[in-house]
Amino acid sequence: MLRSFLIGLVAGGRAMTPLAALSEAARRGGLPAGVNGSTWLAHPAVATGSKVVALGELFADKLHAAPDRIAPAGILARIVTGGVAGSALAPRGRALAGGVLGAVAAVGAAYLTFGARMRAMRSFGQKSTGLVEDALTVGAAQLIVRPRR
């Protein structure tokens, strides 16, 4: 269940990054054995679409007109993607619990990362803080979806 929680934290920072990482790993056959939903996640349309939307989110985040992640639409997106990703990474038979854990972690992380980003932006600006946040969330998502050895 740790992975469900961790991927939810990633969704708090970037809503689409967890689904893009999961779908790409599924497409390559690199998800751990027993991942819930690996068939639909591996579909080429899901893998391509989630990456396109995730890249759009990474780009849009640097714009001054970007909505806050804690706005209702942003929170809803994080609940959905954190829940889906958390469910996918949950152990067999624990998909619902993993989904709830991922969604709750996403909401908590959205508020924590929003506050941290606002403080950092005062000193370092929107683009540079966004790029650092991008690197952290994309890197964390890649580590979380990687098969355990």
Protein backbone atom coordinates (compact mmCIF):
# COMPACT_ATOMS: atom_id res chain seq x y z
CA MET A 1 0.00 0.00 0.00
CA LEU A 2 3.02 2.25 0.31
CA ARG A 3 3.21 2.64 -3.46
CA SER A 4 -0.47 3.66 -3.59
CA PHE A 5 0.24 6.36 -1.02
CA LEU A 6 3.40 7.56 -2.76
CA ILE A 7 1.80 7.80 -6.21
CA GLY A 8 -0.99 9.81 -4.60
CA LEU A 9 1.60 12.26 -3.30
CA VAL A 10 2.89 12.66 -6.85
CA ALA A 11 -0.66 13.36 -8.08
CA GLY A 12 -0.84 16.17 -5.54
CA GLY A 13 1.96 17.96 -7.36
CA ARG A 14 1.11 17.07 -10.96
CA ALA A 15 -2.28 15.50 -11.60
CA MET A 16 -1.48 13.65 -14.82
CA THR A 17 2.07 12.51 -14.14
CA PRO A 18 1.07 9.32 -12.26
CA LEU A 19 -1.19 8.11 -15.09
CA ALA A 20 1.41 8.93 -17.73
CA ALA A 21 4.09 7.01 -15.82
CA LEU A 22 1.81 4.04 -15.17
CA SER A 23 0.53 3.83 -18.73
CA GLU A 24 4.00 4.08 -20.25
CA ALA A 25 5.32 1.40 -17.91
CA ALA A 26 2.32 -0.80 -18.77
CA ARG A 27 2.82 -0.22 -22.50
CA ARG A 28 6.44 -1.35 -22.23
CA GLY A 29 5.48 -4.33 -20.08
CA GLY A 30 7.40 -2.88 -17.16
CA LEU A 31 4.71 -2.76 -14.49
CA PRO A 32 5.13 -5.07 -11.54
CA ALA A 33 3.26 -8.36 -11.72
CA GLY A 34 -0.34 -8.16 -10.59
CA VAL A 35 -0.93 -4.45 -11.20
CA ASN A 36 -4.66 -3.71 -11.34
CA GLY A 37 -5.82 -2.35 -14.69
CA SER A 38 -2.58 -2.99 -16.54
CA THR A 39 -4.51 -4.03 -19.67
CA TRP A 40 -6.30 -0.72 -20.18
CA LEU A 41 -3.31 1.27 -18.96
CA ALA A 42 -1.17 -0.41 -21.64
CA HIS A 43 -3.55 0.52 -24.47
CA PRO A 44 -1.64 2.73 -26.94
CA ALA A 45 -4.37 5.41 -26.87
CA VAL A 46 -4.19 5.63 -23.06
CA ALA A 47 -0.38 5.65 -23.03
CA THR A 48 -0.16 8.33 -25.72
CA GLY A 49 -3.08 10.41 -24.48
CA SER A 50 -1.93 10.46 -20.86
CA LYS A 51 1.57 11.55 -21.88
CA VAL A 52 0.24 14.33 -24.11
CA VAL A 53 -2.03 15.64 -21.35
CA ALA A 54 0.77 15.34 -18.77
CA LEU A 55 3.16 17.30 -20.99
CA GLY A 56 0.47 19.93 -21.47
CA GLU A 57 0.08 20.17 -17.71
CA LEU A 58 3.85 20.58 -17.26
CA PHE A 59 3.88 23.38 -19.83
CA ALA A 60 0.73 25.14 -18.60
CA ASP A 61 1.98 25.19 -15.01
CA LYS A 62 4.61 27.77 -15.97
CA LEU A 63 2.03 30.23 -17.34
CA HIS A 64 0.88 33.12 -15.18
CA ALA A 65 -2.74 32.30 -16.01
CA ALA A 66 -2.41 28.71 -14.72
CA PRO A 67 -5.12 27.91 -12.18
CA ASP A 68 -4.09 26.95 -8.66
CA ARG A 69 -3.89 23.22 -7.99
CA ILE A 70 -6.17 23.72 -5.00
CA ALA A 71 -8.97 25.18 -7.12
CA PRO A 72 -11.97 22.81 -7.26
CA ALA A 73 -11.14 21.49 -10.74
CA GLY A 74 -7.52 20.90 -9.75
CA ILE A 75 -8.46 19.06 -6.57
CA LEU A 76 -11.00 16.94 -8.45
CA ALA A 77 -8.39 15.99 -11.06
CA ARG A 78 -5.98 14.98 -8.30
CA ILE A 79 -8.61 12.92 -6.49
CA VAL A 80 -9.39 11.04 -9.70
CA THR A 81 -5.83 10.46 -10.89
CA GLY A 82 -4.46 9.76 -7.40
CA GLY A 83 -7.30 7.30 -6.85
CA VAL A 84 -6.88 5.52 -10.18
CA ALA A 85 -3.09 5.31 -9.83
CA GLY A 86 -3.32 4.27 -6.17
CA SER A 87 -5.78 1.55 -7.08
CA ALA A 88 -3.56 0.32 -9.91
CA LEU A 89 -0.56 -0.05 -7.61
CA ALA A 90 -2.45 -1.66 -4.73
CA PRO A 91 -1.92 -5.34 -3.96
CA ARG A 92 -4.48 -7.78 -5.37
CA GLY A 93 -7.78 -7.53 -3.58
CA ARG A 94 -6.94 -4.11 -2.12
CA ALA A 95 -7.73 -1.90 -5.13
CA LEU A 96 -10.43 0.10 -3.36
CA ALA A 97 -8.24 0.77 -0.34
CA GLY A 98 -5.32 1.71 -2.61
CA GLY A 99 -7.54 4.07 -4.56
CA VAL A 100 -8.81 5.80 -1.43
CA LEU A 101 -5.28 6.06 -0.08
CA GLY A 102 -3.99 7.51 -3.35
CA ALA A 103 -6.84 10.05 -3.54
CA VAL A 104 -6.42 11.20 0.06
CA ALA A 105 -2.64 11.49 -0.34
CA ALA A 106 -3.16 13.54 -3.53
CA VAL A 107 -5.39 16.07 -1.77
CA GLY A 108 -3.02 16.43 1.17
CA ALA A 109 0.00 16.78 -1.10
CA ALA A 110 -1.82 19.34 -3.28
CA TYR A 111 -2.21 21.67 -0.32
CA LEU A 112 1.31 21.07 1.00
CA THR A 113 3.00 21.52 -2.36
CA PHE A 114 0.86 24.56 -3.17
CA GLY A 115 2.03 26.32 -0.02
CA ALA A 116 5.64 25.36 -0.61
CA ARG A 117 5.49 26.48 -4.24
CA MET A 118 3.97 29.85 -3.36
CA ARG A 119 6.75 30.52 -0.83
CA ALA A 120 9.45 29.40 -3.27
CA MET A 121 8.02 31.50 -6.09
CA ARG A 122 8.57 34.68 -4.07
CA SER A 123 12.31 34.03 -4.14
CA PHE A 124 12.87 32.07 -7.34
CA GLY A 125 9.97 32.81 -9.71
CA GLN A 126 7.31 30.68 -11.32
CA LYS A 127 9.27 28.98 -14.09
CA SER A 128 12.28 27.83 -12.12
CA THR A 129 10.23 26.53 -9.20
CA GLY A 130 7.91 24.79 -11.64
CA LEU A 131 10.82 23.08 -13.38
CA VAL A 132 12.17 21.83 -10.06
CA GLU A 133 8.73 20.55 -9.12
CA ASP A 134 8.41 18.88 -12.54
CA ALA A 135 11.72 17.08 -12.07
CA LEU A 136 10.75 15.88 -8.60
CA THR A 137 7.31 14.61 -9.59
CA VAL A 138 8.35 12.94 -12.85
CA GLY A 139 11.37 11.32 -11.19
CA ALA A 140 9.34 10.14 -8.21
CA ALA A 141 6.62 8.70 -10.45
CA GLN A 142 9.22 6.76 -12.44
CA LEU A 143 10.72 5.30 -9.28
CA ILE A 144 7.33 4.37 -7.82
CA VAL A 145 6.03 2.51 -10.90
CA ARG A 146 9.28 0.63 -11.44
CA PRO A 147 9.10 -3.08 -10.67
CA ARG A 148 10.59 -4.02 -7.32
CA ARG A 149 13.58 -6.32 -7.39
